[in-house]
């Protein structure tokens, strides 16, 4: 899946978030994303743990409705102290 912003909306769009394994990363980032998208089904969230077990990578696949929505999500994610990186 590409991380490039779609040209046409609505569109399926993956949002990747990385942070420390021992944090409340999943709950905090899901709350941020759902504030902009509405409730997400569990099947739209993929979780991966790093090989050493220290980091967590989450991919939320949303139905993006526009650039403003995506910009707002990324602004909140990058402002969250638990998020090390959002793509």
PDB file of N, CA and C in Angstrom:
ATOM      1  N   UNK A   1       0.827  -1.180   0.000  1.00  0.00           N
ATOM      2  CA  UNK A   1       0.000   0.000   0.000  1.00  0.00           C
ATOM      3  C   UNK A   1       0.875   1.249   0.000  1.00  0.00           C
ATOM      4  N   UNK A   2       0.441   2.202  -0.714  1.00  0.00           N
ATOM      5  CA  UNK A   2       1.196   3.447  -0.823  1.00  0.00           C
ATOM      6  C   UNK A   2       0.827   4.397   0.310  1.00  0.00           C
ATOM      7  N   UNK A   3       1.802   5.201   0.744  1.00  0.00           N
ATOM      8  CA  UNK A   3       1.513   6.221   1.745  1.00  0.00           C
ATOM      9  C   UNK A   3       1.264   7.574   1.093  1.00  0.00           C
ATOM     10  N   UNK A   4       1.225   7.611  -0.245  1.00  0.00           N
ATOM     11  CA  UNK A   4       0.919   8.857  -0.950  1.00  0.00           C
ATOM     12  C   UNK A   4      -0.547   9.201  -0.724  1.00  0.00           C
ATOM     13  N   UNK A   5      -0.832  10.490  -0.660  1.00  0.00           N
ATOM     14  CA  UNK A   5      -2.215  10.916  -0.457  1.00  0.00           C
ATOM     15  C   UNK A   5      -3.011  10.635  -1.718  1.00  0.00           C
ATOM     16  N   UNK A   6      -4.222  10.123  -1.556  1.00  0.00           N
ATOM     17  CA  UNK A   6      -5.052   9.827  -2.738  1.00  0.00           C
ATOM     18  C   UNK A   6      -5.503  11.110  -3.437  1.00  0.00           C
ATOM     19  N   UNK A   7      -5.798  10.978  -4.725  1.00  0.00           N
ATOM     20  CA  UNK A   7      -6.268  12.128  -5.501  1.00  0.00           C
ATOM     21  C   UNK A   7      -7.781  12.224  -5.495  1.00  0.00           C
ATOM     22  N   UNK A   8      -8.458  11.103  -5.284  1.00  0.00           N
ATOM     23  CA  UNK A   8      -9.916  11.065  -5.320  1.00  0.00           C
ATOM     24  C   UNK A   8     -10.434  10.533  -3.998  1.00  0.00           C
ATOM     25  N   UNK A   9     -11.492  11.132  -3.509  1.00  0.00           N
ATOM     26  CA  UNK A   9     -12.078  10.733  -2.238  1.00  0.00           C
ATOM     27  C   UNK A   9     -13.539  10.363  -2.457  1.00  0.00           C
ATOM     28  N   UNK A  10     -14.084   9.490  -1.637  1.00  0.00           N
ATOM     29  CA  UNK A  10     -13.438   8.752  -0.548  1.00  0.00           C
ATOM     30  C   UNK A  10     -12.479   7.696  -1.101  1.00  0.00           C
ATOM     31  N   UNK A  11     -11.480   7.351  -0.274  1.00  0.00           N
ATOM     32  CA  UNK A  11     -10.466   6.383  -0.685  1.00  0.00           C
ATOM     33  C   UNK A  11      -9.933   5.614   0.522  1.00  0.00           C
ATOM     34  N   UNK A  12      -9.626   4.347   0.307  1.00  0.00           N
ATOM     35  CA  UNK A  12      -8.961   3.541   1.338  1.00  0.00           C
ATOM     36  C   UNK A  12      -7.571   4.142   1.538  1.00  0.00           C
ATOM     37  N   UNK A  13      -7.165   4.304   2.804  1.00  0.00           N
ATOM     38  CA  UNK A  13      -5.881   4.940   3.066  1.00  0.00           C
ATOM     39  C   UNK A  13      -5.266   4.356   4.330  1.00  0.00           C
ATOM     40  N   UNK A  14      -4.024   3.842   4.248  1.00  0.00           N
ATOM     41  CA  UNK A  14      -3.355   3.301   5.435  1.00  0.00           C
ATOM     42  C   UNK A  14      -2.614   4.397   6.202  1.00  0.00           C
ATOM     43  N   UNK A  15      -2.790   4.429   7.495  1.00  0.00           N
ATOM     44  CA  UNK A  15      -2.052   5.347   8.362  1.00  0.00           C
ATOM     45  C   UNK A  15      -1.194   4.490   9.273  1.00  0.00           C
ATOM     46  N   UNK A  16       0.121   4.681   9.190  1.00  0.00           N
ATOM     47  CA  UNK A  16       1.061   3.883   9.973  1.00  0.00           C
ATOM     48  C   UNK A  16       1.587   4.706  11.138  1.00  0.00           C
ATOM     49  N   UNK A  17       1.581   4.093  12.315  1.00  0.00           N
ATOM     50  CA  UNK A  17       2.001   4.770  13.540  1.00  0.00           C
ATOM     51  C   UNK A  17       2.984   3.861  14.270  1.00  0.00           C
ATOM     52  N   UNK A  18       4.081   4.445  14.775  1.00  0.00           N
ATOM     53  CA  UNK A  18       5.062   3.671  15.525  1.00  0.00           C
ATOM     54  C   UNK A  18       5.328   4.312  16.877  1.00  0.00           C
ATOM     55  N   UNK A  19       5.560   3.464  17.875  1.00  0.00           N
ATOM     56  CA  UNK A  19       5.857   3.948  19.217  1.00  0.00           C
ATOM     57  C   UNK A  19       6.420   2.824  20.074  1.00  0.00           C
ATOM     58  N   UNK A  20       6.607   3.100  21.340  1.00  0.00           N
ATOM     59  CA  UNK A  20       7.150   2.106  22.265  1.00  0.00           C
ATOM     60  C   UNK A  20       6.093   1.071  22.630  1.00  0.00           C
ATOM     61  N   UNK A  21       6.534  -0.161  22.769  1.00  0.00           N
ATOM     62  CA  UNK A  21       5.662  -1.287  23.091  1.00  0.00           C
ATOM     63  C   UNK A  21       4.984  -1.101  24.451  1.00  0.00           C
ATOM     64  N   UNK A  22       5.685  -0.540  25.421  1.00  0.00           N
ATOM     65  CA  UNK A  22       5.179  -0.463  26.788  1.00  0.00           C
ATOM     66  C   UNK A  22       4.283   0.746  27.048  1.00  0.00           C
ATOM     67  N   UNK A  23       3.820   1.397  26.014  1.00  0.00           N
ATOM     68  CA  UNK A  23       2.977   2.586  26.176  1.00  0.00           C
ATOM     69  C   UNK A  23       1.524   2.229  25.864  1.00  0.00           C
ATOM     70  N   UNK A  24       0.655   3.212  26.008  1.00  0.00           N
ATOM     71  CA  UNK A  24      -0.756   3.056  25.642  1.00  0.00           C
ATOM     72  C   UNK A  24      -0.965   3.508  24.201  1.00  0.00           C
ATOM     73  N   UNK A  25      -0.002   3.228  23.359  1.00  0.00           N
ATOM     74  CA  UNK A  25      -0.005   3.699  21.974  1.00  0.00           C
ATOM     75  C   UNK A  25      -1.273   3.310  21.231  1.00  0.00           C
ATOM     76  N   UNK A  26      -1.651   2.064  21.329  1.00  0.00           N
ATOM     77  CA  UNK A  26      -2.814   1.593  20.564  1.00  0.00           C
ATOM     78  C   UNK A  26      -4.079   2.340  20.971  1.00  0.00           C
ATOM     79  N   UNK A  27      -4.346   2.447  22.252  1.00  0.00           N
ATOM     80  CA  UNK A  27      -5.558   3.127  22.713  1.00  0.00           C
ATOM     81  C   UNK A  27      -5.538   4.609  22.343  1.00  0.00           C
ATOM     82  N   UNK A  28      -4.396   5.257  22.542  1.00  0.00           N
ATOM     83  CA  UNK A  28      -4.298   6.697  22.279  1.00  0.00           C
ATOM     84  C   UNK A  28      -4.461   7.002  20.796  1.00  0.00           C
ATOM     85  N   UNK A  29      -3.801   6.232  19.931  1.00  0.00           N
ATOM     86  CA  UNK A  29      -3.865   6.525  18.497  1.00  0.00           C
ATOM     87  C   UNK A  29      -5.211   6.127  17.908  1.00  0.00           C
ATOM     88  N   UNK A  30      -5.797   5.054  18.409  1.00  0.00           N
ATOM     89  CA  UNK A  30      -7.123   4.673  17.916  1.00  0.00           C
ATOM     90  C   UNK A  30      -8.142   5.766  18.258  1.00  0.00           C
ATOM     91  N   UNK A  31      -8.042   6.308  19.450  1.00  0.00           N
ATOM     92  CA  UNK A  31      -8.947   7.380  19.860  1.00  0.00           C
ATOM     93  C   UNK A  31      -8.799   8.596  18.935  1.00  0.00           C
ATOM     94  N   UNK A  32      -7.563   8.947  18.624  1.00  0.00           N
ATOM     95  CA  UNK A  32      -7.320  10.082  17.721  1.00  0.00           C
ATOM     96  C   UNK A  32      -7.937   9.822  16.350  1.00  0.00           C
ATOM     97  N   UNK A  33      -7.653   8.669  15.795  1.00  0.00           N
ATOM     98  CA  UNK A  33      -8.135   8.364  14.444  1.00  0.00           C
ATOM     99  C   UNK A  33      -9.653   8.273  14.407  1.00  0.00           C
ATOM    100  N   UNK A  34     -10.245   7.606  15.396  1.00  0.00           N
ATOM    101  CA  UNK A  34     -11.700   7.459  15.401  1.00  0.00           C
ATOM    102  C   UNK A  34     -12.415   8.795  15.629  1.00  0.00           C
ATOM    103  N   UNK A  35     -11.739   9.752  16.228  1.00  0.00           N
ATOM    104  CA  UNK A  35     -12.327  11.081  16.392  1.00  0.00           C
ATOM    105  C   UNK A  35     -12.592  11.708  15.006  1.00  0.00           C
ATOM    106  N   UNK A  36     -11.803  11.305  14.021  1.00  0.00           N
ATOM    107  CA  UNK A  36     -11.918  11.862  12.669  1.00  0.00           C
ATOM    108  C   UNK A  36     -12.632  10.941  11.680  1.00  0.00           C
ATOM    109  N   UNK A  37     -12.741   9.656  12.018  1.00  0.00           N
ATOM    110  CA  UNK A  37     -13.302   8.692  11.065  1.00  0.00           C
ATOM    111  C   UNK A  37     -14.566   8.000  11.544  1.00  0.00           C
ATOM    112  N   UNK A  38     -14.827   8.055  12.844  1.00  0.00           N
ATOM    113  CA  UNK A  38     -15.872   7.221  13.422  1.00  0.00           C
ATOM    114  C   UNK A  38     -15.258   5.884  13.804  1.00  0.00           C
ATOM    115  N   UNK A  39     -16.048   4.992  14.392  1.00  0.00           N
ATOM    116  CA  UNK A  39     -15.522   3.710  14.871  1.00  0.00           C
ATOM    117  C   UNK A  39     -14.884   2.871  13.752  1.00  0.00           C
ATOM    118  N   UNK A  40     -13.767   2.219  14.096  1.00  0.00           N
ATOM    119  CA  UNK A  40     -13.075   1.324  13.161  1.00  0.00           C
ATOM    120  C   UNK A  40     -13.286  -0.123  13.592  1.00  0.00           C
ATOM    121  N   UNK A  41     -13.477  -0.984  12.623  1.00  0.00           N
ATOM    122  CA  UNK A  41     -13.555  -2.421  12.912  1.00  0.00           C
ATOM    123  C   UNK A  41     -12.140  -2.919  13.205  1.00  0.00           C
ATOM    124  N   UNK A  42     -12.036  -3.933  14.047  1.00  0.00           N
ATOM    125  CA  UNK A  42     -10.731  -4.523  14.385  1.00  0.00           C
ATOM    126  C   UNK A  42      -9.989  -5.000  13.143  1.00  0.00           C
ATOM    127  N   UNK A  43     -10.719  -5.433  12.131  1.00  0.00           N
ATOM    128  CA  UNK A  43     -10.090  -5.937  10.903  1.00  0.00           C
ATOM    129  C   UNK A  43      -9.358  -4.837  10.139  1.00  0.00           C
ATOM    130  N   UNK A  44      -9.598  -3.573  10.500  1.00  0.00           N
ATOM    131  CA  UNK A  44      -8.954  -2.446   9.819  1.00  0.00           C
ATOM    132  C   UNK A  44      -7.730  -1.940  10.569  1.00  0.00           C
ATOM    133  N   UNK A  45      -7.319  -2.726  11.606  1.00  0.00           N
ATOM    134  CA  UNK A  45      -6.147  -2.356  12.407  1.00  0.00           C
ATOM    135  C   UNK A  45      -5.169  -3.526  12.391  1.00  0.00           C
ATOM    136  N   UNK A  46      -3.947  -3.248  11.955  1.00  0.00           N
ATOM    137  CA  UNK A  46      -2.905  -4.279  11.937  1.00  0.00           C
ATOM    138  C   UNK A  46      -1.834  -3.888  12.947  1.00  0.00           C
ATOM    139  N   UNK A  47      -1.422  -4.854  13.763  1.00  0.00           N
ATOM    140  CA  UNK A  47      -0.441  -4.607  14.821  1.00  0.00           C
ATOM    141  C   UNK A  47       0.779  -5.484  14.581  1.00  0.00           C
ATOM    142  N   UNK A  48       1.956  -4.863  14.665  1.00  0.00           N
ATOM    143  CA  UNK A  48       3.215  -5.614  14.544  1.00  0.00           C
ATOM    144  C   UNK A  48       4.156  -5.154  15.645  1.00  0.00           C
ATOM    145  N   UNK A  49       4.853  -6.104  16.236  1.00  0.00           N
ATOM    146  CA  UNK A  49       5.845  -5.803  17.264  1.00  0.00           C
ATOM    147  C   UNK A  49       7.223  -5.956  16.644  1.00  0.00           C
ATOM    148  N   UNK A  50       8.149  -5.086  17.021  1.00  0.00           N
ATOM    149  CA  UNK A  50       9.508  -5.160  16.482  1.00  0.00           C
ATOM    150  C   UNK A  50      10.167  -6.459  16.938  1.00  0.00           C
ATOM    151  N   UNK A  51      11.215  -6.846  16.243  1.00  0.00           N
ATOM    152  CA  UNK A  51      11.931  -8.077  16.552  1.00  0.00           C
ATOM    153  C   UNK A  51      12.434  -8.140  17.978  1.00  0.00           C
ATOM    154  N   UNK A  52      12.875  -7.022  18.517  1.00  0.00           N
ATOM    155  CA  UNK A  52      13.378  -7.006  19.888  1.00  0.00           C
ATOM    156  C   UNK A  52      12.275  -6.781  20.916  1.00  0.00           C
ATOM    157  N   UNK A  53      11.033  -6.559  20.438  1.00  0.00           N
ATOM    158  CA  UNK A  53       9.896  -6.399  21.335  1.00  0.00           C
ATOM    159  C   UNK A  53       9.769  -5.031  21.980  1.00  0.00           C
ATOM    160  N   UNK A  54      10.613  -4.081  21.594  1.00  0.00           N
ATOM    161  CA  UNK A  54      10.572  -2.753  22.212  1.00  0.00           C
ATOM    162  C   UNK A  54       9.609  -1.776  21.553  1.00  0.00           C
ATOM    163  N   UNK A  55       9.275  -2.030  20.292  1.00  0.00           N
ATOM    164  CA  UNK A  55       8.462  -1.077  19.541  1.00  0.00           C
ATOM    165  C   UNK A  55       7.222  -1.738  18.964  1.00  0.00           C
ATOM    166  N   UNK A  56       6.214  -0.914  18.734  1.00  0.00           N
ATOM    167  CA  UNK A  56       4.947  -1.374  18.193  1.00  0.00           C
ATOM    168  C   UNK A  56       4.655  -0.562  16.936  1.00  0.00           C
ATOM    169  N   UNK A  57       4.228  -1.239  15.881  1.00  0.00           N
ATOM    170  CA  UNK A  57       3.823  -0.573  14.649  1.00  0.00           C
ATOM    171  C   UNK A  57       2.355  -0.889  14.410  1.00  0.00           C
ATOM    172  N   UNK A  58       1.559   0.135  14.225  1.00  0.00           N
ATOM    173  CA  UNK A  58       0.131  -0.021  13.982  1.00  0.00           C
ATOM    174  C   UNK A  58      -0.202   0.545  12.617  1.00  0.00           C
ATOM    175  N   UNK A  59      -1.029  -0.164  11.866  1.00  0.00           N
ATOM    176  CA  UNK A  59      -1.527   0.359  10.593  1.00  0.00           C
ATOM    177  C   UNK A  59      -3.040   0.395  10.681  1.00  0.00           C
ATOM    178  N   UNK A  60      -3.586   1.589  10.563  1.00  0.00           N
ATOM    179  CA  UNK A  60      -5.030   1.794  10.551  1.00  0.00           C
ATOM    180  C   UNK A  60      -5.429   2.057   9.105  1.00  0.00           C
ATOM    181  N   UNK A  61      -6.304   1.224   8.551  1.00  0.00           N
ATOM    182  CA  UNK A  61      -6.783   1.459   7.192  1.00  0.00           C
ATOM    183  C   UNK A  61      -8.138   2.130   7.307  1.00  0.00           C
ATOM    184  N   UNK A  62      -8.174   3.384   6.873  1.00  0.00           N
ATOM    185  CA  UNK A  62      -9.394   4.180   7.000  1.00  0.00           C
ATOM    186  C   UNK A  62      -9.982   4.451   5.621  1.00  0.00           C
ATOM    187  N   UNK A  63     -11.206   4.933   5.613  1.00  0.00           N
ATOM    188  CA  UNK A  63     -11.794   5.470   4.391  1.00  0.00           C
ATOM    189  C   UNK A  63     -11.649   6.984   4.524  1.00  0.00           C
ATOM    190  N   UNK A  64     -10.670   7.524   3.820  1.00  0.00           N
ATOM    191  CA  UNK A  64     -10.391   8.961   3.880  1.00  0.00           C
ATOM    192  C   UNK A  64     -11.443   9.709   3.075  1.00  0.00           C
ATOM    193  N   UNK A  65     -11.938  10.793   3.660  1.00  0.00           N
ATOM    194  CA  UNK A  65     -12.974  11.579   2.991  1.00  0.00           C
ATOM    195  C   UNK A  65     -12.430  12.848   2.350  1.00  0.00           C
ATOM    196  N   UNK A  66     -11.182  13.217   2.678  1.00  0.00           N
ATOM    197  CA  UNK A  66     -10.590  14.409   2.084  1.00  0.00           C
ATOM    198  C   UNK A  66      -9.235  14.735   2.686  1.00  0.00           C
ATOM    199  N   UNK A  67      -8.526  15.625   2.037  1.00  0.00           N
ATOM    200  CA  UNK A  67      -7.194  16.030   2.515  1.00  0.00           C
ATOM    201  C   UNK A  67      -7.254  16.699   3.882  1.00  0.00           C
ATOM    202  N   UNK A  68      -8.306  17.488   4.115  1.00  0.00           N
ATOM    203  CA  UNK A  68      -8.433  18.154   5.416  1.00  0.00           C
ATOM    204  C   UNK A  68      -8.507  17.127   6.549  1.00  0.00           C
ATOM    205  N   UNK A  69      -9.251  16.060   6.330  1.00  0.00           N
ATOM    206  CA  UNK A  69      -9.366  14.997   7.334  1.00  0.00           C
ATOM    207  C   UNK A  69      -7.996  14.370   7.592  1.00  0.00           C
ATOM    208  N   UNK A  70      -7.274  14.031   6.536  1.00  0.00           N
ATOM    209  CA  UNK A  70      -5.954  13.412   6.696  1.00  0.00           C
ATOM    210  C   UNK A  70      -4.983  14.351   7.393  1.00  0.00           C
ATOM    211  N   UNK A  71      -4.993  15.616   7.011  1.00  0.00           N
ATOM    212  CA  UNK A  71      -4.107  16.590   7.655  1.00  0.00           C
ATOM    213  C   UNK A  71      -4.401  16.699   9.149  1.00  0.00           C
ATOM    214  N   UNK A  72      -5.681  16.713   9.514  1.00  0.00           N
ATOM    215  CA  UNK A  72      -6.064  16.818  10.927  1.00  0.00           C
ATOM    216  C   UNK A  72      -5.609  15.582  11.710  1.00  0.00           C
ATOM    217  N   UNK A  73      -5.757  14.402  11.103  1.00  0.00           N
ATOM    218  CA  UNK A  73      -5.325  13.164  11.771  1.00  0.00           C
ATOM    219  C   UNK A  73      -3.817  13.207  12.010  1.00  0.00           C
ATOM    220  N   UNK A  74      -3.052  13.549  10.982  1.00  0.00           N
ATOM    221  CA  UNK A  74      -1.595  13.581  11.124  1.00  0.00           C
ATOM    222  C   UNK A  74      -1.134  14.642  12.103  1.00  0.00           C
ATOM    223  N   UNK A  75      -1.800  15.782  12.149  1.00  0.00           N
ATOM    224  CA  UNK A  75      -1.447  16.820  13.128  1.00  0.00           C
ATOM    225  C   UNK A  75      -1.602  16.287  14.549  1.00  0.00           C
ATOM    226  N   UNK A  76      -2.726  15.621  14.813  1.00  0.00           N
ATOM    227  CA  UNK A  76      -2.958  15.085  16.164  1.00  0.00           C
ATOM    228  C   UNK A  76      -1.998  13.952  16.496  1.00  0.00           C
ATOM    229  N   UNK A  77      -1.756  13.073  15.535  1.00  0.00           N
ATOM    230  CA  UNK A  77      -0.846  11.953  15.791  1.00  0.00           C
ATOM    231  C   UNK A  77       0.565  12.439  16.097  1.00  0.00           C
ATOM    232  N   UNK A  78       1.057  13.394  15.330  1.00  0.00           N
ATOM    233  CA  UNK A  78       2.428  13.859  15.550  1.00  0.00           C
ATOM    234  C   UNK A  78       2.533  14.697  16.828  1.00  0.00           C
ATOM    235  N   UNK A  79       1.430  15.232  17.315  1.00  0.00           N
ATOM    236  CA  UNK A  79       1.435  15.970  18.580  1.00  0.00           C
ATOM    237  C   UNK A  79       1.362  15.039  19.789  1.00  0.00           C
ATOM    238  N   UNK A  80       0.974  13.796  19.570  1.00  0.00           N
ATOM    239  CA  UNK A  80       0.840  12.821  20.666  1.00  0.00           C
ATOM    240  C   UNK A  80       2.239  12.375  21.106  1.00  0.00           C
ATOM    241  N   UNK A  81       2.511  12.502  22.402  1.00  0.00           N
ATOM    242  CA  UNK A  81       3.834  12.186  22.947  1.00  0.00           C
ATOM    243  C   UNK A  81       4.191  10.697  22.845  1.00  0.00           C
ATOM    244  N   UNK A  82       3.195   9.836  22.695  1.00  0.00           N
ATOM    245  CA  UNK A  82       3.451   8.398  22.594  1.00  0.00           C
ATOM    246  C   UNK A  82       3.897   7.991  21.186  1.00  0.00           C
ATOM    247  N   UNK A  83       3.608   8.835  20.206  1.00  0.00           N
ATOM    248  CA  UNK A  83       3.902   8.519  18.798  1.00  0.00           C
ATOM    249  C   UNK A  83       5.327   8.950  18.468  1.00  0.00           C
ATOM    250  N   UNK A  84       6.139   7.992  18.039  1.00  0.00           N
ATOM    251  CA  UNK A  84       7.496   8.296  17.599  1.00  0.00           C
ATOM    252  C   UNK A  84       7.518   8.676  16.127  1.00  0.00           C
ATOM    253  N   UNK A  85       6.587   8.076  15.345  1.00  0.00           N
ATOM    254  CA  UNK A  85       6.553   8.350  13.912  1.00  0.00           C
ATOM    255  C   UNK A  85       5.148   8.034  13.382  1.00  0.00           C
ATOM    256  N   UNK A  86       4.676   8.867  12.474  1.00  0.00           N
ATOM    257  CA  UNK A  86       3.391   8.616  11.792  1.00  0.00           C
ATOM    258  C   UNK A  86       3.617   8.809  10.302  1.00  0.00           C
ATOM    259  N   UNK A  87       3.226   7.821   9.536  1.00  0.00           N
ATOM    260  CA  UNK A  87       3.391   7.853   8.073  1.00  0.00           C
ATOM    261  C   UNK A  87       2.050   7.678   7.382  1.00  0.00           C
TER     262      UNK A  87
END
